[in-house]
Amino acid sequence: MNEVELMFEDKAIKRGLMAIYTKQDALQFVLECQKQSVGILGIDAFRLFPDKNAIQPSMEDSIDFSGSSFKGNDIYSDALALISTRKPDMYFEIVCAS
């Protein structure tokens, strides 16, 4: 677990081994990754259903930064743009480098 993940551990919603964040916490997580130069490999978006403790992935709201098309781009800006334009009821898992 990297330092950013440790900083946000108490804000995470745990689903199995995943740490999922609200939209606002995900934005702050990305900003902290940028500040500490922690690479972001991808963002997975989800809808949570608390009454059933269920989770539904949303591929159209997720992004994989490990592809060659993102080399040299500002991944932090892309990550912030993705999260900020999603609905308030979306939750995010941020996959980052160790």
PDB file of N, CA and C in Angstrom:
ATOM      1  N   MET A   1       0.850  -1.171   0.000  1.00  0.00           N
ATOM      2  CA  MET A   1       0.000   0.000   0.000  1.00  0.00           C
ATOM      3  C   MET A   1       0.901   1.242   0.000  1.00  0.00           C
ATOM      4  N   ASN A   2       0.616   2.185  -0.902  1.00  0.00           N
ATOM      5  CA  ASN A   2       1.450   3.386  -0.943  1.00  0.00           C
ATOM      6  C   ASN A   2       0.959   4.416   0.082  1.00  0.00           C
ATOM      7  N   GLU A   3       1.678   5.514   0.191  1.00  0.00           N
ATOM      8  CA  GLU A   3       1.386   6.527   1.208  1.00  0.00           C
ATOM      9  C   GLU A   3       0.016   7.189   1.003  1.00  0.00           C
ATOM     10  N   VAL A   4      -0.369   7.412  -0.233  1.00  0.00           N
ATOM     11  CA  VAL A   4      -1.671   8.035  -0.506  1.00  0.00           C
ATOM     12  C   VAL A   4      -2.798   7.088  -0.085  1.00  0.00           C
ATOM     13  N   GLU A   5      -2.666   5.820  -0.424  1.00  0.00           N
ATOM     14  CA  GLU A   5      -3.677   4.841  -0.027  1.00  0.00           C
ATOM     15  C   GLU A   5      -3.804   4.779   1.497  1.00  0.00           C
ATOM     16  N   LEU A   6      -2.691   4.867   2.188  1.00  0.00           N
ATOM     17  CA  LEU A   6      -2.720   4.875   3.655  1.00  0.00           C
ATOM     18  C   LEU A   6      -3.416   6.124   4.189  1.00  0.00           C
ATOM     19  N   MET A   7      -3.163   7.269   3.548  1.00  0.00           N
ATOM     20  CA  MET A   7      -3.796   8.522   3.974  1.00  0.00           C
ATOM     21  C   MET A   7      -5.313   8.472   3.843  1.00  0.00           C
ATOM     22  N   PHE A   8      -5.804   7.766   2.831  1.00  0.00           N
ATOM     23  CA  PHE A   8      -7.233   7.743   2.540  1.00  0.00           C
ATOM     24  C   PHE A   8      -7.924   6.463   3.024  1.00  0.00           C
ATOM     25  N   GLU A   9      -7.203   5.635   3.735  1.00  0.00           N
ATOM     26  CA  GLU A   9      -7.744   4.346   4.167  1.00  0.00           C
ATOM     27  C   GLU A   9      -9.037   4.490   4.981  1.00  0.00           C
ATOM     28  N   ASP A  10      -9.110   5.495   5.843  1.00  0.00           N
ATOM     29  CA  ASP A  10     -10.302   5.666   6.681  1.00  0.00           C
ATOM     30  C   ASP A  10     -11.499   6.231   5.916  1.00  0.00           C
ATOM     31  N   LYS A  11     -11.278   6.757   4.713  1.00  0.00           N
ATOM     32  CA  LYS A  11     -12.363   7.293   3.892  1.00  0.00           C
ATOM     33  C   LYS A  11     -12.917   6.252   2.912  1.00  0.00           C
ATOM     34  N   ALA A  12     -12.232   5.147   2.791  1.00  0.00           N
ATOM     35  CA  ALA A  12     -12.599   4.129   1.800  1.00  0.00           C
ATOM     36  C   ALA A  12     -13.825   3.329   2.249  1.00  0.00           C
ATOM     37  N   ILE A  13     -14.639   2.994   1.271  1.00  0.00           N
ATOM     38  CA  ILE A  13     -15.720   2.039   1.455  1.00  0.00           C
ATOM     39  C   ILE A  13     -15.139   0.709   0.996  1.00  0.00           C
ATOM     40  N   LYS A  14     -15.117  -0.260   1.867  1.00  0.00           N
ATOM     41  CA  LYS A  14     -14.500  -1.551   1.545  1.00  0.00           C
ATOM     42  C   LYS A  14     -15.541  -2.492   0.948  1.00  0.00           C
ATOM     43  N   ARG A  15     -15.220  -3.026  -0.191  1.00  0.00           N
ATOM     44  CA  ARG A  15     -16.011  -4.069  -0.842  1.00  0.00           C
ATOM     45  C   ARG A  15     -15.038  -5.161  -1.243  1.00  0.00           C
ATOM     46  N   GLY A  16     -14.992  -6.213  -0.451  1.00  0.00           N
ATOM     47  CA  GLY A  16     -13.992  -7.237  -0.680  1.00  0.00           C
ATOM     48  C   GLY A  16     -12.613  -6.634  -0.450  1.00  0.00           C
ATOM     49  N   LEU A  17     -11.733  -6.792  -1.420  1.00  0.00           N
ATOM     50  CA  LEU A  17     -10.390  -6.220  -1.330  1.00  0.00           C
ATOM     51  C   LEU A  17     -10.300  -4.820  -1.919  1.00  0.00           C
ATOM     52  N   MET A  18     -11.417  -4.329  -2.447  1.00  0.00           N
ATOM     53  CA  MET A  18     -11.415  -3.011  -3.088  1.00  0.00           C
ATOM     54  C   MET A  18     -11.659  -1.889  -2.081  1.00  0.00           C
ATOM     55  N   ALA A  19     -10.988  -0.770  -2.327  1.00  0.00           N
ATOM     56  CA  ALA A  19     -11.233   0.471  -1.592  1.00  0.00           C
ATOM     57  C   ALA A  19     -11.909   1.420  -2.572  1.00  0.00           C
ATOM     58  N   ILE A  20     -13.137   1.776  -2.286  1.00  0.00           N
ATOM     59  CA  ILE A  20     -13.933   2.608  -3.192  1.00  0.00           C
ATOM     60  C   ILE A  20     -14.201   3.939  -2.499  1.00  0.00           C
ATOM     61  N   TYR A  21     -14.160   5.019  -3.291  1.00  0.00           N
ATOM     62  CA  TYR A  21     -14.281   6.366  -2.734  1.00  0.00           C
ATOM     63  C   TYR A  21     -15.461   7.122  -3.345  1.00  0.00           C
ATOM     64  N   THR A  22     -16.013   8.023  -2.555  1.00  0.00           N
ATOM     65  CA  THR A  22     -17.021   8.933  -3.076  1.00  0.00           C
ATOM     66  C   THR A  22     -16.371   9.822  -4.132  1.00  0.00           C
ATOM     67  N   LYS A  23     -17.177  10.520  -4.878  1.00  0.00           N
ATOM     68  CA  LYS A  23     -16.664  11.412  -5.919  1.00  0.00           C
ATOM     69  C   LYS A  23     -15.705  12.441  -5.322  1.00  0.00           C
ATOM     70  N   GLN A  24     -16.105  13.074  -4.231  1.00  0.00           N
ATOM     71  CA  GLN A  24     -15.269  14.109  -3.613  1.00  0.00           C
ATOM     72  C   GLN A  24     -13.956  13.532  -3.080  1.00  0.00           C
ATOM     73  N   ASP A  25     -14.025  12.387  -2.424  1.00  0.00           N
ATOM     74  CA  ASP A  25     -12.802  11.770  -1.905  1.00  0.00           C
ATOM     75  C   ASP A  25     -11.898  11.305  -3.045  1.00  0.00           C
ATOM     76  N   ALA A  26     -12.484  10.818  -4.131  1.00  0.00           N
ATOM     77  CA  ALA A  26     -11.695  10.384  -5.290  1.00  0.00           C
ATOM     78  C   ALA A  26     -10.945  11.565  -5.906  1.00  0.00           C
ATOM     79  N   LEU A  27     -11.591  12.708  -5.990  1.00  0.00           N
ATOM     80  CA  LEU A  27     -10.917  13.903  -6.513  1.00  0.00           C
ATOM     81  C   LEU A  27      -9.733  14.286  -5.622  1.00  0.00           C
ATOM     82  N   GLN A  28      -9.930  14.252  -4.319  1.00  0.00           N
ATOM     83  CA  GLN A  28      -8.855  14.574  -3.384  1.00  0.00           C
ATOM     84  C   GLN A  28      -7.729  13.532  -3.456  1.00  0.00           C
ATOM     85  N   PHE A  29      -8.106  12.278  -3.663  1.00  0.00           N
ATOM     86  CA  PHE A  29      -7.124  11.190  -3.799  1.00  0.00           C
ATOM     87  C   PHE A  29      -6.223  11.451  -5.004  1.00  0.00           C
ATOM     88  N   VAL A  30      -6.822  11.816  -6.128  1.00  0.00           N
ATOM     89  CA  VAL A  30      -6.043  12.094  -7.344  1.00  0.00           C
ATOM     90  C   VAL A  30      -5.116  13.292  -7.127  1.00  0.00           C
ATOM     91  N   LEU A  31      -5.620  14.331  -6.491  1.00  0.00           N
ATOM     92  CA  LEU A  31      -4.780  15.503  -6.223  1.00  0.00           C
ATOM     93  C   LEU A  31      -3.589  15.138  -5.334  1.00  0.00           C
ATOM     94  N   GLU A  32      -3.827  14.275  -4.364  1.00  0.00           N
ATOM     95  CA  GLU A  32      -2.731  13.844  -3.487  1.00  0.00           C
ATOM     96  C   GLU A  32      -1.734  12.972  -4.248  1.00  0.00           C
ATOM     97  N   CYS A  33      -2.230  12.124  -5.157  1.00  0.00           N
ATOM     98  CA  CYS A  33      -1.330  11.334  -6.005  1.00  0.00           C
ATOM     99  C   CYS A  33      -0.446  12.255  -6.830  1.00  0.00           C
ATOM    100  N   GLN A  34      -1.039  13.300  -7.381  1.00  0.00           N
ATOM    101  CA  GLN A  34      -0.281  14.264  -8.180  1.00  0.00           C
ATOM    102  C   GLN A  34       0.782  14.947  -7.309  1.00  0.00           C
ATOM    103  N   LYS A  35       0.380  15.369  -6.130  1.00  0.00           N
ATOM    104  CA  LYS A  35       1.288  16.063  -5.212  1.00  0.00           C
ATOM    105  C   LYS A  35       2.487  15.181  -4.848  1.00  0.00           C
ATOM    106  N   GLN A  36       2.225  13.884  -4.639  1.00  0.00           N
ATOM    107  CA  GLN A  36       3.287  12.962  -4.225  1.00  0.00           C
ATOM    108  C   GLN A  36       3.904  12.194  -5.396  1.00  0.00           C
ATOM    109  N   SER A  37       3.514  12.534  -6.617  1.00  0.00           N
ATOM    110  CA  SER A  37       4.024  11.876  -7.832  1.00  0.00           C
ATOM    111  C   SER A  37       3.790  10.366  -7.819  1.00  0.00           C
ATOM    112  N   VAL A  38       2.597   9.970  -7.366  1.00  0.00           N
ATOM    113  CA  VAL A  38       2.193   8.569  -7.393  1.00  0.00           C
ATOM    114  C   VAL A  38       1.441   8.337  -8.698  1.00  0.00           C
ATOM    115  N   GLY A  39       1.899   7.407  -9.494  1.00  0.00           N
ATOM    116  CA  GLY A  39       1.272   7.142 -10.786  1.00  0.00           C
ATOM    117  C   GLY A  39      -0.115   6.525 -10.645  1.00  0.00           C
ATOM    118  N   ILE A  40      -1.012   6.925 -11.520  1.00  0.00           N
ATOM    119  CA  ILE A  40      -2.362   6.356 -11.552  1.00  0.00           C
ATOM    120  C   ILE A  40      -2.452   5.456 -12.780  1.00  0.00           C
ATOM    121  N   LEU A  41      -2.797   4.206 -12.567  1.00  0.00           N
ATOM    122  CA  LEU A  41      -2.882   3.225 -13.642  1.00  0.00           C
ATOM    123  C   LEU A  41      -4.279   3.126 -14.240  1.00  0.00           C
ATOM    124  N   GLY A  42      -5.295   3.483 -13.461  1.00  0.00           N
ATOM    125  CA  GLY A  42      -6.660   3.411 -13.956  1.00  0.00           C
ATOM    126  C   GLY A  42      -7.660   3.800 -12.889  1.00  0.00           C
ATOM    127  N   ILE A  43      -8.879   4.039 -13.337  1.00  0.00           N
ATOM    128  CA  ILE A  43      -9.985   4.371 -12.442  1.00  0.00           C
ATOM    129  C   ILE A  43     -11.172   3.511 -12.841  1.00  0.00           C
ATOM    130  N   ASP A  44     -11.711   2.805 -11.859  1.00  0.00           N
ATOM    131  CA  ASP A  44     -12.891   1.983 -12.075  1.00  0.00           C
ATOM    132  C   ASP A  44     -14.067   2.640 -11.359  1.00  0.00           C
ATOM    133  N   ALA A  45     -15.164   2.818 -12.086  1.00  0.00           N
ATOM    134  CA  ALA A  45     -16.345   3.461 -11.529  1.00  0.00           C
ATOM    135  C   ALA A  45     -17.404   2.413 -11.197  1.00  0.00           C
ATOM    136  N   PHE A  46     -18.184   2.717 -10.147  1.00  0.00           N
ATOM    137  CA  PHE A  46     -19.196   1.788  -9.666  1.00  0.00           C
ATOM    138  C   PHE A  46     -20.440   2.522  -9.190  1.00  0.00           C
ATOM    139  N   ARG A  47     -21.523   1.795  -9.196  1.00  0.00           N
ATOM    140  CA  ARG A  47     -22.741   2.207  -8.505  1.00  0.00           C
ATOM    141  C   ARG A  47     -22.877   1.256  -7.321  1.00  0.00           C
ATOM    142  N   LEU A  48     -23.177   1.819  -6.160  1.00  0.00           N
ATOM    143  CA  LEU A  48     -23.348   1.000  -4.966  1.00  0.00           C
ATOM    144  C   LEU A  48     -24.820   0.954  -4.600  1.00  0.00           C
ATOM    145  N   PHE A  49     -25.230  -0.185  -4.105  1.00  0.00           N
ATOM    146  CA  PHE A  49     -26.606  -0.381  -3.662  1.00  0.00           C
ATOM    147  C   PHE A  49     -26.563  -0.840  -2.213  1.00  0.00           C
ATOM    148  N   PRO A  50     -26.574   0.104  -1.277  1.00  0.00           N
ATOM    149  CA  PRO A  50     -26.383  -0.226   0.137  1.00  0.00           C
ATOM    150  C   PRO A  50     -27.438  -1.184   0.698  1.00  0.00           C
ATOM    151  N   ASP A  51     -28.665  -1.085   0.214  1.00  0.00           N
ATOM    152  CA  ASP A  51     -29.708  -1.940   0.773  1.00  0.00           C
ATOM    153  C   ASP A  51     -29.454  -3.419   0.480  1.00  0.00           C
ATOM    154  N   LYS A  52     -28.705  -3.700  -0.572  1.00  0.00           N
ATOM    155  CA  LYS A  52     -28.384  -5.081  -0.928  1.00  0.00           C
ATOM    156  C   LYS A  52     -26.899  -5.372  -0.776  1.00  0.00           C
ATOM    157  N   ASN A  53     -26.137  -4.367  -0.314  1.00  0.00           N
ATOM    158  CA  ASN A  53     -24.680  -4.480  -0.216  1.00  0.00           C
ATOM    159  C   ASN A  53     -24.086  -4.921  -1.555  1.00  0.00           C
ATOM    160  N   ALA A  54     -24.712  -4.454  -2.635  1.00  0.00           N
ATOM    161  CA  ALA A  54     -24.301  -4.843  -3.990  1.00  0.00           C
ATOM    162  C   ALA A  54     -23.505  -3.723  -4.651  1.00  0.00           C
ATOM    163  N   ILE A  55     -22.779  -4.097  -5.676  1.00  0.00           N
ATOM    164  CA  ILE A  55     -21.945  -3.161  -6.430  1.00  0.00           C
ATOM    165  C   ILE A  55     -22.088  -3.479  -7.914  1.00  0.00           C
ATOM    166  N   GLN A  56     -22.181  -2.433  -8.726  1.00  0.00           N
ATOM    167  CA  GLN A  56     -22.315  -2.616 -10.175  1.00  0.00           C
ATOM    168  C   GLN A  56     -21.235  -1.793 -10.875  1.00  0.00           C
ATOM    169  N   PRO A  57     -20.309  -2.448 -11.589  1.00  0.00           N
ATOM    170  CA  PRO A  57     -19.289  -1.700 -12.324  1.00  0.00           C
ATOM    171  C   PRO A  57     -19.898  -0.918 -13.481  1.00  0.00           C
ATOM    172  N   SER A  58     -19.275   0.185 -13.814  1.00  0.00           N
ATOM    173  CA  SER A  58     -19.704   1.006 -14.943  1.00  0.00           C
ATOM    174  C   SER A  58     -18.499   1.214 -15.856  1.00  0.00           C
ATOM    175  N   MET A  59     -18.415   0.392 -16.885  1.00  0.00           N
ATOM    176  CA  MET A  59     -17.270   0.461 -17.799  1.00  0.00           C
ATOM    177  C   MET A  59     -17.208   1.808 -18.531  1.00  0.00           C
ATOM    178  N   GLU A  60     -18.356   2.377 -18.869  1.00  0.00           N
ATOM    179  CA  GLU A  60     -18.354   3.651 -19.601  1.00  0.00           C
ATOM    180  C   GLU A  60     -17.869   4.816 -18.737  1.00  0.00           C
ATOM    181  N   ASP A  61     -17.820   4.628 -17.425  1.00  0.00           N
ATOM    182  CA  ASP A  61     -17.351   5.672 -16.521  1.00  0.00           C
ATOM    183  C   ASP A  61     -15.964   5.358 -15.960  1.00  0.00           C
ATOM    184  N   SER A  62     -15.310   4.353 -16.518  1.00  0.00           N
ATOM    185  CA  SER A  62     -13.988   3.916 -16.057  1.00  0.00           C
ATOM    186  C   SER A  62     -12.948   4.206 -17.137  1.00  0.00           C
ATOM    187  N   ILE A  63     -11.676   4.173 -16.737  1.00  0.00           N
ATOM    188  CA  ILE A  63     -10.609   4.438 -17.701  1.00  0.00           C
ATOM    189  C   ILE A  63      -9.349   3.669 -17.305  1.00  0.00           C
ATOM    190  N   ASP A  64      -8.625   3.205 -18.297  1.00  0.00           N
ATOM    191  CA  ASP A  64      -7.359   2.482 -18.106  1.00  0.00           C
ATOM    192  C   ASP A  64      -6.240   3.355 -18.657  1.00  0.00           C
ATOM    193  N   PHE A  65      -5.372   3.831 -17.787  1.00  0.00           N
ATOM    194  CA  PHE A  65      -4.276   4.702 -18.205  1.00  0.00           C
ATOM    195  C   PHE A  65      -3.019   3.932 -18.603  1.00  0.00           C
ATOM    196  N   SER A  66      -3.044   2.622 -18.526  1.00  0.00           N
ATOM    197  CA  SER A  66      -1.838   1.855 -18.817  1.00  0.00           C
ATOM    198  C   SER A  66      -1.572   1.695 -20.314  1.00  0.00           C
ATOM    199  N   GLY A  67      -2.521   2.058 -21.156  1.00  0.00           N
ATOM    200  CA  GLY A  67      -2.345   1.943 -22.606  1.00  0.00           C
ATOM    201  C   GLY A  67      -1.380   2.976 -23.156  1.00  0.00           C
ATOM    202  N   SER A  68      -0.852   2.710 -24.310  1.00  0.00           N
ATOM    203  CA  SER A  68       0.151   3.593 -24.925  1.00  0.00           C
ATOM    204  C   SER A  68      -0.414   4.960 -25.300  1.00  0.00           C
ATOM    205  N   SER A  69      -1.729   5.070 -25.482  1.00  0.00           N
ATOM    206  CA  SER A  69      -2.311   6.358 -25.874  1.00  0.00           C
ATOM    207  C   SER A  69      -2.212   7.398 -24.750  1.00  0.00           C
ATOM    208  N   PHE A  70      -1.901   6.975 -23.539  1.00  0.00           N
ATOM    209  CA  PHE A  70      -1.800   7.913 -22.423  1.00  0.00           C
ATOM    210  C   PHE A  70      -0.361   8.259 -22.071  1.00  0.00           C
ATOM    211  N   LYS A  71       0.598   7.661 -22.743  1.00  0.00           N
ATOM    212  CA  LYS A  71       2.003   7.962 -22.462  1.00  0.00           C
ATOM    213  C   LYS A  71       2.284   9.433 -22.767  1.00  0.00           C
ATOM    214  N   GLY A  72       2.827  10.131 -21.786  1.00  0.00           N
ATOM    215  CA  GLY A  72       3.185  11.528 -21.976  1.00  0.00           C
ATOM    216  C   GLY A  72       2.035  12.496 -21.747  1.00  0.00           C
ATOM    217  N   ASN A  73       0.825  11.998 -21.630  1.00  0.00           N
ATOM    218  CA  ASN A  73      -0.313  12.878 -21.349  1.00  0.00           C
ATOM    219  C   ASN A  73      -0.352  13.194 -19.856  1.00  0.00           C
ATOM    220  N   ASP A  74      -1.115  14.212 -19.514  1.00  0.00           N
ATOM    221  CA  ASP A  74      -1.287  14.568 -18.116  1.00  0.00           C
ATOM    222  C   ASP A  74      -2.395  13.699 -17.531  1.00  0.00           C
ATOM    223  N   ILE A  75      -2.012  12.553 -17.022  1.00  0.00           N
ATOM    224  CA  ILE A  75      -2.979  11.585 -16.500  1.00  0.00           C
ATOM    225  C   ILE A  75      -3.757  12.170 -15.328  1.00  0.00           C
ATOM    226  N   TYR A  76      -3.125  12.985 -14.503  1.00  0.00           N
ATOM    227  CA  TYR A  76      -3.826  13.565 -13.356  1.00  0.00           C
ATOM    228  C   TYR A  76      -4.980  14.462 -13.820  1.00  0.00           C
ATOM    229  N   SER A  77      -4.736  15.279 -14.832  1.00  0.00           N
ATOM    230  CA  SER A  77      -5.807  16.134 -15.369  1.00  0.00           C
ATOM    231  C   SER A  77      -6.921  15.288 -15.982  1.00  0.00           C
ATOM    232  N   ASP A  78      -6.535  14.233 -16.701  1.00  0.00           N
ATOM    233  CA  ASP A  78      -7.526  13.331 -17.299  1.00  0.00           C
ATOM    234  C   ASP A  78      -8.345  12.643 -16.215  1.00  0.00           C
ATOM    235  N   ALA A  79      -7.682  12.225 -15.140  1.00  0.00           N
ATOM    236  CA  ALA A  79      -8.374  11.555 -14.032  1.00  0.00           C
ATOM    237  C   ALA A  79      -9.351  12.514 -13.344  1.00  0.00           C
ATOM    238  N   LEU A  80      -8.906  13.735 -13.089  1.00  0.00           N
ATOM    239  CA  LEU A  80      -9.780  14.734 -12.460  1.00  0.00           C
ATOM    240  C   LEU A  80     -10.972  15.059 -13.349  1.00  0.00           C
ATOM    241  N   ALA A  81     -10.738  15.183 -14.644  1.00  0.00           N
ATOM    242  CA  ALA A  81     -11.822  15.479 -15.586  1.00  0.00           C
ATOM    243  C   ALA A  81     -12.841  14.341 -15.614  1.00  0.00           C
ATOM    244  N   LEU A  82     -12.351  13.110 -15.646  1.00  0.00           N
ATOM    245  CA  LEU A  82     -13.262  11.967 -15.666  1.00  0.00           C
ATOM    246  C   LEU A  82     -14.147  11.964 -14.426  1.00  0.00           C
ATOM    247  N   ILE A  83     -13.536  12.044 -13.267  1.00  0.00           N
ATOM    248  CA  ILE A  83     -14.299  11.960 -12.016  1.00  0.00           C
ATOM    249  C   ILE A  83     -15.254  13.139 -11.873  1.00  0.00           C
ATOM    250  N   SER A  84     -14.783  14.333 -12.161  1.00  0.00           N
ATOM    251  CA  SER A  84     -15.615  15.520 -11.936  1.00  0.00           C
ATOM    252  C   SER A  84     -16.833  15.589 -12.855  1.00  0.00           C
ATOM    253  N   THR A  85     -16.788  14.913 -13.982  1.00  0.00           N
ATOM    254  CA  THR A  85     -17.931  14.965 -14.909  1.00  0.00           C
ATOM    255  C   THR A  85     -18.918  13.821 -14.695  1.00  0.00           C
ATOM    256  N   ARG A  86     -18.668  12.969 -13.718  1.00  0.00           N
ATOM    257  CA  ARG A  86     -19.572  11.850 -13.464  1.00  0.00           C
ATOM    258  C   ARG A  86     -20.648  12.236 -12.461  1.00  0.00           C
ATOM    259  N   LYS A  87     -21.734  11.471 -12.461  1.00  0.00           N
ATOM    260  CA  LYS A  87     -22.860  11.733 -11.563  1.00  0.00           C
ATOM    261  C   LYS A  87     -22.416  11.629 -10.107  1.00  0.00           C
ATOM    262  N   PRO A  88     -23.090  12.370  -9.226  1.00  0.00           N
ATOM    263  CA  PRO A  88     -22.698  12.372  -7.807  1.00  0.00           C
ATOM    264  C   PRO A  88     -22.847  11.017  -7.117  1.00  0.00           C
ATOM    265  N   ASP A  89     -23.661  10.132  -7.671  1.00  0.00           N
ATOM    266  CA  ASP A  89     -23.871   8.832  -7.020  1.00  0.00           C
ATOM    267  C   ASP A  89     -22.878   7.765  -7.477  1.00  0.00           C
ATOM    268  N   MET A  90     -21.870   8.160  -8.234  1.00  0.00           N
ATOM    269  CA  MET A  90     -20.835   7.221  -8.672  1.00  0.00           C
ATOM    270  C   MET A  90     -19.751   7.129  -7.596  1.00  0.00           C
ATOM    271  N   TYR A  91     -19.132   5.949  -7.521  1.00  0.00           N
ATOM    272  CA  TYR A  91     -18.024   5.692  -6.610  1.00  0.00           C
ATOM    273  C   TYR A  91     -16.858   5.191  -7.429  1.00  0.00           C
ATOM    274  N   PHE A  92     -15.633   5.379  -6.908  1.00  0.00           N
ATOM    275  CA  PHE A  92     -14.454   5.117  -7.721  1.00  0.00           C
ATOM    276  C   PHE A  92     -13.386   4.341  -6.961  1.00  0.00           C
ATOM    277  N   GLU A  93     -12.822   3.386  -7.661  1.00  0.00           N
ATOM    278  CA  GLU A  93     -11.615   2.712  -7.202  1.00  0.00           C
ATOM    279  C   GLU A  93     -10.482   3.279  -8.043  1.00  0.00           C
ATOM    280  N   ILE A  94      -9.435   3.753  -7.405  1.00  0.00           N
ATOM    281  CA  ILE A  94      -8.306   4.322  -8.111  1.00  0.00           C
ATOM    282  C   ILE A  94      -7.133   3.350  -7.967  1.00  0.00           C
ATOM    283  N   VAL A  95      -6.709   2.834  -9.113  1.00  0.00           N
ATOM    284  CA  VAL A  95      -5.603   1.885  -9.124  1.00  0.00           C
ATOM    285  C   VAL A  95      -4.330   2.684  -9.391  1.00  0.00           C
ATOM    286  N   CYS A  96      -3.425   2.637  -8.425  1.00  0.00           N
ATOM    287  CA  CYS A  96      -2.210   3.433  -8.579  1.00  0.00           C
ATOM    288  C   CYS A  96      -0.969   2.570  -8.360  1.00  0.00           C
ATOM    289  N   ALA A  97       0.152   3.129  -8.748  1.00  0.00           N
ATOM    290  CA  ALA A  97       1.426   2.441  -8.599  1.00  0.00           C
ATOM    291  C   ALA A  97       1.764   2.333  -7.111  1.00  0.00           C
ATOM    292  N   SER A  98       2.519   1.334  -6.771  1.00  0.00           N
ATOM    293  CA  SER A  98       2.894   1.123  -5.363  1.00  0.00           C
ATOM    294  C   SER A  98       3.843   2.174  -4.877  1.00  0.00           C
TER     295      SER A  98
END
